[in-house]
Amino acid sequence: MLGVMVALVYLYLGAGARLLSSWGESKRDTAQVRALERQNHTLRRQHATLASPTTVQEEARRLGMIRPGEQAYIVSGLPAN
């Protein structure tokens, strides 16, 4: 009878240890999912900003590009402030 009791206690302790391990892993996974959701949200906002026609045009202007048919002017010889 004592042997059966020891075996049952051993089995319950093993199951309890696995349950605690699974619970800890679940908490880590949940934290990782939240971090990835935040990163996804940030990347989606960044994509929306970068894909807008206004942003594309501003970046092209910053790089010195002009539209077809526009006249480009170069101003030189300005006094230093």
PDB file of N, CA and C in Angstrom:
ATOM      1  N   MET A   1       0.827  -1.188   0.000  1.00  0.00           N
ATOM      2  CA  MET A   1       0.000   0.000   0.000  1.00  0.00           C
ATOM      3  C   MET A   1       0.874   1.254   0.000  1.00  0.00           C
ATOM      4  N   LEU A   2       1.949   1.196   0.773  1.00  0.00           N
ATOM      5  CA  LEU A   2       2.846   2.341   0.845  1.00  0.00           C
ATOM      6  C   LEU A   2       3.514   2.592  -0.511  1.00  0.00           C
ATOM      7  N   GLY A   3       3.855   1.536  -1.202  1.00  0.00           N
ATOM      8  CA  GLY A   3       4.469   1.652  -2.533  1.00  0.00           C
ATOM      9  C   GLY A   3       3.532   2.324  -3.522  1.00  0.00           C
ATOM     10  N   VAL A   4       2.252   1.965  -3.455  1.00  0.00           N
ATOM     11  CA  VAL A   4       1.255   2.573  -4.347  1.00  0.00           C
ATOM     12  C   VAL A   4       1.123   4.060  -4.034  1.00  0.00           C
ATOM     13  N   MET A   5       1.099   4.404  -2.766  1.00  0.00           N
ATOM     14  CA  MET A   5       0.990   5.812  -2.360  1.00  0.00           C
ATOM     15  C   MET A   5       2.204   6.613  -2.855  1.00  0.00           C
ATOM     16  N   VAL A   6       3.394   6.063  -2.726  1.00  0.00           N
ATOM     17  CA  VAL A   6       4.612   6.738  -3.186  1.00  0.00           C
ATOM     18  C   VAL A   6       4.553   6.935  -4.704  1.00  0.00           C
ATOM     19  N   ALA A   7       4.093   5.903  -5.419  1.00  0.00           N
ATOM     20  CA  ALA A   7       3.992   6.010  -6.877  1.00  0.00           C
ATOM     21  C   ALA A   7       2.987   7.085  -7.268  1.00  0.00           C
ATOM     22  N   LEU A   8       1.850   7.152  -6.586  1.00  0.00           N
ATOM     23  CA  LEU A   8       0.845   8.179  -6.895  1.00  0.00           C
ATOM     24  C   LEU A   8       1.365   9.587  -6.609  1.00  0.00           C
ATOM     25  N   VAL A   9       2.045   9.743  -5.487  1.00  0.00           N
ATOM     26  CA  VAL A   9       2.614  11.058  -5.153  1.00  0.00           C
ATOM     27  C   VAL A   9       3.642  11.451  -6.205  1.00  0.00           C
ATOM     28  N   TYR A  10       4.462  10.503  -6.619  1.00  0.00           N
ATOM     29  CA  TYR A  10       5.469  10.774  -7.640  1.00  0.00           C
ATOM     30  C   TYR A  10       4.804  11.220  -8.945  1.00  0.00           C
ATOM     31  N   LEU A  11       3.755  10.539  -9.356  1.00  0.00           N
ATOM     32  CA  LEU A  11       3.058  10.890 -10.590  1.00  0.00           C
ATOM     33  C   LEU A  11       2.405  12.268 -10.485  1.00  0.00           C
ATOM     34  N   TYR A  12       1.797  12.569  -9.338  1.00  0.00           N
ATOM     35  CA  TYR A  12       1.167  13.878  -9.172  1.00  0.00           C
ATOM     36  C   TYR A  12       2.200  15.002  -9.152  1.00  0.00           C
ATOM     37  N   LEU A  13       3.338  14.757  -8.534  1.00  0.00           N
ATOM     38  CA  LEU A  13       4.387  15.783  -8.506  1.00  0.00           C
ATOM     39  C   LEU A  13       4.945  16.033  -9.908  1.00  0.00           C
ATOM     40  N   GLY A  14       5.106  14.972 -10.662  1.00  0.00           N
ATOM     41  CA  GLY A  14       5.584  15.112 -12.046  1.00  0.00           C
ATOM     42  C   GLY A  14       4.600  15.907 -12.894  1.00  0.00           C
ATOM     43  N   ALA A  15       3.311  15.589 -12.727  1.00  0.00           N
ATOM     44  CA  ALA A  15       2.294  16.317 -13.487  1.00  0.00           C
ATOM     45  C   ALA A  15       2.243  17.780 -13.061  1.00  0.00           C
ATOM     46  N   GLY A  16       2.391  18.025 -11.767  1.00  0.00           N
ATOM     47  CA  GLY A  16       2.389  19.411 -11.271  1.00  0.00           C
ATOM     48  C   GLY A  16       3.574  20.203 -11.810  1.00  0.00           C
ATOM     49  N   ALA A  17       4.731  19.566 -11.875  1.00  0.00           N
ATOM     50  CA  ALA A  17       5.921  20.238 -12.406  1.00  0.00           C
ATOM     51  C   ALA A  17       5.727  20.578 -13.877  1.00  0.00           C
ATOM     52  N   ARG A  18       5.157  19.641 -14.640  1.00  0.00           N
ATOM     53  CA  ARG A  18       4.894  19.916 -16.058  1.00  0.00           C
ATOM     54  C   ARG A  18       3.859  21.021 -16.214  1.00  0.00           C
ATOM     55  N   LEU A  19       2.871  21.066 -15.325  1.00  0.00           N
ATOM     56  CA  LEU A  19       1.848  22.109 -15.376  1.00  0.00           C
ATOM     57  C   LEU A  19       2.470  23.480 -15.118  1.00  0.00           C
ATOM     58  N   LEU A  20       3.334  23.577 -14.122  1.00  0.00           N
ATOM     59  CA  LEU A  20       4.007  24.846 -13.838  1.00  0.00           C
ATOM     60  C   LEU A  20       4.918  25.252 -14.991  1.00  0.00           C
ATOM     61  N   SER A  21       5.596  24.305 -15.582  1.00  0.00           N
ATOM     62  CA  SER A  21       6.468  24.584 -16.715  1.00  0.00           C
ATOM     63  C   SER A  21       5.651  25.112 -17.896  1.00  0.00           C
ATOM     64  N   SER A  22       4.524  24.479 -18.155  1.00  0.00           N
ATOM     65  CA  SER A  22       3.655  24.917 -19.249  1.00  0.00           C
ATOM     66  C   SER A  22       3.095  26.305 -18.980  1.00  0.00           C
ATOM     67  N   TRP A  23       2.755  26.580 -17.750  1.00  0.00           N
ATOM     68  CA  TRP A  23       2.216  27.896 -17.380  1.00  0.00           C
ATOM     69  C   TRP A  23       3.274  28.986 -17.614  1.00  0.00           C
ATOM     70  N   GLY A  24       4.501  28.734 -17.213  1.00  0.00           N
ATOM     71  CA  GLY A  24       5.582  29.695 -17.434  1.00  0.00           C
ATOM     72  C   GLY A  24       5.848  29.913 -18.911  1.00  0.00           C
ATOM     73  N   GLU A  25       5.827  28.846 -19.672  1.00  0.00           N
ATOM     74  CA  GLU A  25       6.028  28.952 -21.117  1.00  0.00           C
ATOM     75  C   GLU A  25       4.895  29.746 -21.761  1.00  0.00           C
ATOM     76  N   SER A  26       3.689  29.542 -21.276  1.00  0.00           N
ATOM     77  CA  SER A  26       2.539  30.284 -21.793  1.00  0.00           C
ATOM     78  C   SER A  26       2.690  31.778 -21.532  1.00  0.00           C
ATOM     79  N   LYS A  27       3.168  32.143 -20.364  1.00  0.00           N
ATOM     80  CA  LYS A  27       3.378  33.550 -20.038  1.00  0.00           C
ATOM     81  C   LYS A  27       4.444  34.163 -20.944  1.00  0.00           C
ATOM     82  N   ARG A  28       5.531  33.425 -21.200  1.00  0.00           N
ATOM     83  CA  ARG A  28       6.586  33.932 -22.093  1.00  0.00           C
ATOM     84  C   ARG A  28       6.054  34.096 -23.509  1.00  0.00           C
ATOM     85  N   ASP A  29       5.279  33.126 -23.977  1.00  0.00           N
ATOM     86  CA  ASP A  29       4.717  33.202 -25.323  1.00  0.00           C
ATOM     87  C   ASP A  29       3.754  34.377 -25.449  1.00  0.00           C
ATOM     88  N   THR A  30       2.943  34.599 -24.416  1.00  0.00           N
ATOM     89  CA  THR A  30       2.003  35.722 -24.435  1.00  0.00           C
ATOM     90  C   THR A  30       2.753  37.045 -24.501  1.00  0.00           C
ATOM     91  N   ALA A  31       3.829  37.175 -23.755  1.00  0.00           N
ATOM     92  CA  ALA A  31       4.635  38.402 -23.791  1.00  0.00           C
ATOM     93  C   ALA A  31       5.251  38.590 -25.169  1.00  0.00           C
ATOM     94  N   GLN A  32       5.717  37.511 -25.767  1.00  0.00           N
ATOM     95  CA  GLN A  32       6.320  37.614 -27.098  1.00  0.00           C
ATOM     96  C   GLN A  32       5.264  38.003 -28.136  1.00  0.00           C
ATOM     97  N   VAL A  33       4.073  37.458 -28.025  1.00  0.00           N
ATOM     98  CA  VAL A  33       2.989  37.808 -28.954  1.00  0.00           C
ATOM     99  C   VAL A  33       2.653  39.289 -28.825  1.00  0.00           C
ATOM    100  N   ARG A  34       2.573  39.797 -27.604  1.00  0.00           N
ATOM    101  CA  ARG A  34       2.282  41.223 -27.413  1.00  0.00           C
ATOM    102  C   ARG A  34       3.358  42.089 -28.033  1.00  0.00           C
ATOM    103  N   ALA A  35       4.619  41.716 -27.857  1.00  0.00           N
ATOM    104  CA  ALA A  35       5.722  42.494 -28.437  1.00  0.00           C
ATOM    105  C   ALA A  35       5.641  42.476 -29.960  1.00  0.00           C
ATOM    106  N   LEU A  36       5.335  41.328 -30.534  1.00  0.00           N
ATOM    107  CA  LEU A  36       5.220  41.232 -31.985  1.00  0.00           C
ATOM    108  C   LEU A  36       4.021  42.011 -32.507  1.00  0.00           C
ATOM    109  N   GLU A  37       2.925  42.041 -31.752  1.00  0.00           N
ATOM    110  CA  GLU A  37       1.763  42.838 -32.161  1.00  0.00           C
ATOM    111  C   GLU A  37       2.095  44.322 -32.154  1.00  0.00           C
ATOM    112  N   ARG A  38       2.846  44.779 -31.128  1.00  0.00           N
ATOM    113  CA  ARG A  38       3.268  46.187 -31.095  1.00  0.00           C
ATOM    114  C   ARG A  38       4.164  46.509 -32.287  1.00  0.00           C
ATOM    115  N   GLN A  39       5.093  45.607 -32.585  1.00  0.00           N
ATOM    116  CA  GLN A  39       5.994  45.818 -33.719  1.00  0.00           C
ATOM    117  C   GLN A  39       5.206  45.836 -35.027  1.00  0.00           C
ATOM    118  N   ASN A  40       4.233  44.962 -35.155  1.00  0.00           N
ATOM    119  CA  ASN A  40       3.388  44.911 -36.350  1.00  0.00           C
ATOM    120  C   ASN A  40       2.646  46.231 -36.513  1.00  0.00           C
ATOM    121  N   HIS A  41       2.085  46.738 -35.433  1.00  0.00           N
ATOM    122  CA  HIS A  41       1.346  48.000 -35.483  1.00  0.00           C
ATOM    123  C   HIS A  41       2.268  49.141 -35.925  1.00  0.00           C
ATOM    124  N   THR A  42       3.471  49.188 -35.366  1.00  0.00           N
ATOM    125  CA  THR A  42       4.432  50.227 -35.737  1.00  0.00           C
ATOM    126  C   THR A  42       4.804  50.121 -37.213  1.00  0.00           C
ATOM    127  N   LEU A  43       5.070  48.909 -37.682  1.00  0.00           N
ATOM    128  CA  LEU A  43       5.446  48.720 -39.079  1.00  0.00           C
ATOM    129  C   LEU A  43       4.307  49.059 -40.035  1.00  0.00           C
ATOM    130  N   ARG A  44       3.078  48.764 -39.631  1.00  0.00           N
ATOM    131  CA  ARG A  44       1.928  49.115 -40.488  1.00  0.00           C
ATOM    132  C   ARG A  44       1.777  50.633 -40.603  1.00  0.00           C
ATOM    133  N   ARG A  45       1.963  51.346 -39.473  1.00  0.00           N
ATOM    134  CA  ARG A  45       1.905  52.815 -39.530  1.00  0.00           C
ATOM    135  C   ARG A  45       3.027  53.363 -40.404  1.00  0.00           C
ATOM    136  N   GLN A  46       4.214  52.803 -40.259  1.00  0.00           N
ATOM    137  CA  GLN A  46       5.351  53.236 -41.058  1.00  0.00           C
ATOM    138  C   GLN A  46       5.092  52.979 -42.547  1.00  0.00           C
ATOM    139  N   HIS A  47       4.528  51.841 -42.856  1.00  0.00           N
ATOM    140  CA  HIS A  47       4.216  51.514 -44.245  1.00  0.00           C
ATOM    141  C   HIS A  47       3.204  52.492 -44.812  1.00  0.00           C
ATOM    142  N   ALA A  48       2.169  52.793 -44.047  1.00  0.00           N
ATOM    143  CA  ALA A  48       1.146  53.735 -44.521  1.00  0.00           C
ATOM    144  C   ALA A  48       1.756  55.108 -44.778  1.00  0.00           C
ATOM    145  N   THR A  49       2.654  55.538 -43.905  1.00  0.00           N
ATOM    146  CA  THR A  49       3.295  56.838 -44.080  1.00  0.00           C
ATOM    147  C   THR A  49       4.195  56.842 -45.308  1.00  0.00           C
ATOM    148  N   LEU A  50       5.012  55.809 -45.451  1.00  0.00           N
ATOM    149  CA  LEU A  50       5.957  55.776 -46.562  1.00  0.00           C
ATOM    150  C   LEU A  50       5.293  55.534 -47.911  1.00  0.00           C
ATOM    151  N   ALA A  51       4.135  54.907 -47.923  1.00  0.00           N
ATOM    152  CA  ALA A  51       3.447  54.606 -49.177  1.00  0.00           C
ATOM    153  C   ALA A  51       2.570  55.756 -49.655  1.00  0.00           C
ATOM    154  N   SER A  52       2.391  56.781 -48.832  1.00  0.00           N
ATOM    155  CA  SER A  52       1.521  57.882 -49.246  1.00  0.00           C
ATOM    156  C   SER A  52       2.188  58.675 -50.361  1.00  0.00           C
ATOM    157  N   PRO A  53       1.424  59.159 -51.329  1.00  0.00           N
ATOM    158  CA  PRO A  53       1.990  59.925 -52.445  1.00  0.00           C
ATOM    159  C   PRO A  53       2.743  61.170 -51.991  1.00  0.00           C
ATOM    160  N   THR A  54       2.280  61.799 -50.931  1.00  0.00           N
ATOM    161  CA  THR A  54       2.943  63.000 -50.427  1.00  0.00           C
ATOM    162  C   THR A  54       4.353  62.678 -49.957  1.00  0.00           C
ATOM    163  N   THR A  55       4.515  61.603 -49.215  1.00  0.00           N
ATOM    164  CA  THR A  55       5.833  61.217 -48.717  1.00  0.00           C
ATOM    165  C   THR A  55       6.755  60.845 -49.868  1.00  0.00           C
ATOM    166  N   VAL A  56       6.236  60.129 -50.842  1.00  0.00           N
ATOM    167  CA  VAL A  56       7.050  59.740 -51.994  1.00  0.00           C
ATOM    168  C   VAL A  56       7.524  60.985 -52.736  1.00  0.00           C
ATOM    169  N   GLN A  57       6.638  61.942 -52.927  1.00  0.00           N
ATOM    170  CA  GLN A  57       7.004  63.171 -53.630  1.00  0.00           C
ATOM    171  C   GLN A  57       8.024  63.983 -52.828  1.00  0.00           C
ATOM    172  N   GLU A  58       7.838  64.087 -51.526  1.00  0.00           N
ATOM    173  CA  GLU A  58       8.789  64.827 -50.694  1.00  0.00           C
ATOM    174  C   GLU A  58      10.179  64.191 -50.736  1.00  0.00           C
ATOM    175  N   GLU A  59      10.244  62.865 -50.683  1.00  0.00           N
ATOM    176  CA  GLU A  59      11.533  62.188 -50.747  1.00  0.00           C
ATOM    177  C   GLU A  59      12.187  62.399 -52.114  1.00  0.00           C
ATOM    178  N   ALA A  60      11.405  62.345 -53.181  1.00  0.00           N
ATOM    179  CA  ALA A  60      11.944  62.564 -54.517  1.00  0.00           C
ATOM    180  C   ALA A  60      12.496  63.986 -54.639  1.00  0.00           C
ATOM    181  N   ARG A  61      11.781  64.968 -54.103  1.00  0.00           N
ATOM    182  CA  ARG A  61      12.252  66.362 -54.133  1.00  0.00           C
ATOM    183  C   ARG A  61      13.542  66.499 -53.330  1.00  0.00           C
ATOM    184  N   ARG A  62      13.593  65.852 -52.185  1.00  0.00           N
ATOM    185  CA  ARG A  62      14.784  65.920 -51.347  1.00  0.00           C
ATOM    186  C   ARG A  62      16.004  65.356 -52.081  1.00  0.00           C
ATOM    187  N   LEU A  63      15.774  64.354 -52.929  1.00  0.00           N
ATOM    188  CA  LEU A  63      16.860  63.750 -53.702  1.00  0.00           C
ATOM    189  C   LEU A  63      17.180  64.537 -54.974  1.00  0.00           C
ATOM    190  N   GLY A  64      16.456  65.628 -55.213  1.00  0.00           N
ATOM    191  CA  GLY A  64      16.725  66.473 -56.370  1.00  0.00           C
ATOM    192  C   GLY A  64      16.001  66.064 -57.632  1.00  0.00           C
ATOM    193  N   MET A  65      15.001  65.234 -57.532  1.00  0.00           N
ATOM    194  CA  MET A  65      14.255  64.799 -58.715  1.00  0.00           C
ATOM    195  C   MET A  65      13.197  65.835 -59.075  1.00  0.00           C
ATOM    196  N   ILE A  66      12.875  65.893 -60.350  1.00  0.00           N
ATOM    197  CA  ILE A  66      11.822  66.793 -60.815  1.00  0.00           C
ATOM    198  C   ILE A  66      10.842  65.998 -61.662  1.00  0.00           C
ATOM    199  N   ARG A  67       9.663  66.556 -61.817  1.00  0.00           N
ATOM    200  CA  ARG A  67       8.650  65.897 -62.639  1.00  0.00           C
ATOM    201  C   ARG A  67       8.924  66.176 -64.107  1.00  0.00           C
ATOM    202  N   PRO A  68       8.470  65.296 -64.975  1.00  0.00           N
ATOM    203  CA  PRO A  68       8.640  65.561 -66.412  1.00  0.00           C
ATOM    204  C   PRO A  68       7.937  66.866 -66.785  1.00  0.00           C
ATOM    205  N   GLY A  69       8.629  67.695 -67.536  1.00  0.00           N
ATOM    206  CA  GLY A  69       8.043  68.964 -67.964  1.00  0.00           C
ATOM    207  C   GLY A  69       8.341  70.124 -67.035  1.00  0.00           C
ATOM    208  N   GLU A  70       8.850  69.887 -65.843  1.00  0.00           N
ATOM    209  CA  GLU A  70       9.185  70.974 -64.921  1.00  0.00           C
ATOM    210  C   GLU A  70      10.545  71.559 -65.290  1.00  0.00           C
ATOM    211  N   GLN A  71      10.716  72.830 -64.983  1.00  0.00           N
ATOM    212  CA  GLN A  71      11.988  73.503 -65.210  1.00  0.00           C
ATOM    213  C   GLN A  71      12.760  73.532 -63.896  1.00  0.00           C
ATOM    214  N   ALA A  72      13.975  73.009 -63.906  1.00  0.00           N
ATOM    215  CA  ALA A  72      14.807  72.999 -62.710  1.00  0.00           C
ATOM    216  C   ALA A  72      15.667  74.254 -62.691  1.00  0.00           C
ATOM    217  N   TYR A  73      15.790  74.875 -61.528  1.00  0.00           N
ATOM    218  CA  TYR A  73      16.618  76.059 -61.358  1.00  0.00           C
ATOM    219  C   TYR A  73      17.694  75.759 -60.329  1.00  0.00           C
ATOM    220  N   ILE A  74      18.902  76.248 -60.603  1.00  0.00           N
ATOM    221  CA  ILE A  74      20.003  76.118 -59.657  1.00  0.00           C
ATOM    222  C   ILE A  74      20.402  77.525 -59.249  1.00  0.00           C
ATOM    223  N   VAL A  75      20.284  77.820 -57.968  1.00  0.00           N
ATOM    224  CA  VAL A  75      20.612  79.126 -57.449  1.00  0.00           C
ATOM    225  C   VAL A  75      21.986  79.023 -56.803  1.00  0.00           C
ATOM    226  N   SER A  76      22.896  79.896 -57.220  1.00  0.00           N
ATOM    227  CA  SER A  76      24.252  79.865 -56.667  1.00  0.00           C
ATOM    228  C   SER A  76      24.699  81.287 -56.363  1.00  0.00           C
ATOM    229  N   GLY A  77      25.763  81.418 -55.598  1.00  0.00           N
ATOM    230  CA  GLY A  77      26.321  82.718 -55.293  1.00  0.00           C
ATOM    231  C   GLY A  77      25.576  83.482 -54.229  1.00  0.00           C
ATOM    232  N   LEU A  78      24.811  82.806 -53.395  1.00  0.00           N
ATOM    233  CA  LEU A  78      24.092  83.498 -52.330  1.00  0.00           C
ATOM    234  C   LEU A  78      25.049  83.829 -51.197  1.00  0.00           C
ATOM    235  N   PRO A  79      24.853  84.977 -50.554  1.00  0.00           N
ATOM    236  CA  PRO A  79      25.733  85.312 -49.432  1.00  0.00           C
ATOM    237  C   PRO A  79      25.488  84.383 -48.245  1.00  0.00           C
ATOM    238  N   ALA A  80      26.546  84.123 -47.492  1.00  0.00           N
ATOM    239  CA  ALA A  80      26.424  83.276 -46.304  1.00  0.00           C
ATOM    240  C   ALA A  80      25.764  84.057 -45.190  1.00  0.00           C
ATOM    241  N   ASN A  81      24.981  83.423 -44.398  1.00  0.00           N
ATOM    242  CA  ASN A  81      24.304  84.091 -43.286  1.00  0.00           C
ATOM    243  C   ASN A  81      25.217  84.237 -42.129  1.00  0.00           C
TER     244      ASN A  81
END
